[in-house]
Amino acid sequence: MAGSRHDHGGFCARRSSWSWIFGAFAVMAVVLLWQEHRAHLLGVIPYLILLACPLMHLLQRHGHRRRGIREEQHHA
């Protein structure tokens, strides 16, 4: 039983070291992609803002219906 605990602890230590290695490579990849493609990514922002307007209108439209129902109940 004691051996299985030791094996599990070794696995967690190896898993932790692999997660740090993976995290470091992920950070490096994000930094390099940001440096190389910054102009493309920043050029898309105005289009994302324009796209967000109709999406917000469609997705938040349910709030207007509820407000109308409540106003009708208060006036009745």
Protein backbone atom coordinates (compact mmCIF):
# COMPACT_ATOMS: atom_id res chain seq x y z
CA MET A 1 0.00 0.00 0.00
CA ALA A 2 2.83 2.39 0.80
CA GLY A 3 4.40 1.69 -2.59
CA SER A 4 1.25 2.72 -4.44
CA ARG A 5 1.21 6.06 -2.61
CA HIS A 6 4.83 6.65 -3.59
CA ASP A 7 4.08 5.83 -7.22
CA HIS A 8 1.16 8.22 -7.23
CA GLY A 9 3.31 10.99 -5.79
CA GLY A 10 5.92 10.42 -8.50
CA PHE A 11 3.22 10.59 -11.15
CA CYS A 12 1.95 13.91 -9.78
CA ALA A 13 5.47 15.31 -9.71
CA ARG A 14 6.06 14.23 -13.33
CA ARG A 15 2.68 15.58 -14.34
CA SER A 16 3.44 18.88 -12.66
CA SER A 17 6.77 19.23 -14.44
CA TRP A 18 5.16 18.40 -17.79
CA SER A 19 2.45 20.99 -17.19
CA TRP A 20 5.13 23.64 -16.56
CA ILE A 21 6.94 22.65 -19.75
CA PHE A 22 3.71 22.71 -21.75
CA GLY A 23 2.78 26.07 -20.22
CA ALA A 24 6.16 27.57 -21.13
CA PHE A 25 5.84 26.42 -24.74
CA ALA A 26 2.27 27.71 -24.90
CA VAL A 27 3.36 31.13 -23.64
CA MET A 28 6.20 31.24 -26.16
CA ALA A 29 3.83 30.28 -28.98
CA VAL A 30 1.34 32.98 -28.01
CA VAL A 31 4.09 35.63 -27.82
CA LEU A 32 5.53 34.66 -31.19
CA LEU A 33 2.11 34.54 -32.84
CA TRP A 34 1.26 37.94 -31.36
CA GLN A 35 4.48 39.46 -32.65
CA GLU A 36 4.10 38.05 -36.14
CA HIS A 37 0.36 38.58 -36.62
CA ARG A 38 -0.36 41.66 -34.51
CA ALA A 39 -1.35 43.80 -37.51
CA HIS A 40 -3.83 41.17 -38.71
CA LEU A 41 -5.36 40.70 -35.29
CA LEU A 42 -5.68 44.41 -34.56
CA GLY A 43 -7.11 45.02 -38.03
CA VAL A 44 -10.02 42.70 -37.28
CA ILE A 45 -11.13 44.57 -34.13
CA PRO A 46 -13.36 47.15 -35.92
CA TYR A 47 -15.18 44.35 -37.73
CA LEU A 48 -15.67 42.46 -34.46
CA ILE A 49 -17.21 45.54 -32.89
CA LEU A 50 -19.56 45.95 -35.86
CA LEU A 51 -20.47 42.27 -35.69
CA ALA A 52 -21.10 42.52 -31.94
CA CYS A 53 -23.87 45.11 -32.41
CA PRO A 54 -26.38 42.88 -34.26
CA LEU A 55 -25.42 39.88 -32.16
CA MET A 56 -26.11 41.77 -28.95
CA HIS A 57 -29.39 42.98 -30.41
CA LEU A 58 -30.47 39.43 -31.25
CA LEU A 59 -29.24 37.82 -28.04
CA GLN A 60 -30.51 40.46 -25.62
CA ARG A 61 -33.84 41.03 -27.26
CA HIS A 62 -35.70 38.85 -24.75
CA GLY A 63 -35.32 41.56 -22.08
CA HIS A 64 -37.58 43.93 -24.03
CA ARG A 65 -40.42 41.43 -24.13
CA ARG A 66 -40.34 40.91 -20.38
CA ARG A 67 -40.35 44.63 -19.73
CA GLY A 68 -43.40 45.06 -21.96
CA ILE A 69 -45.31 42.33 -20.12
CA ARG A 70 -44.52 43.86 -16.74
CA GLU A 71 -45.66 47.31 -17.90
CA GLU A 72 -48.97 45.86 -19.10
CA GLN A 73 -49.53 44.19 -15.72
CA HIS A 74 -48.87 47.43 -13.85
CA HIS A 75 -51.24 49.43 -16.07
CA ALA A 76 -54.08 46.92 -15.75
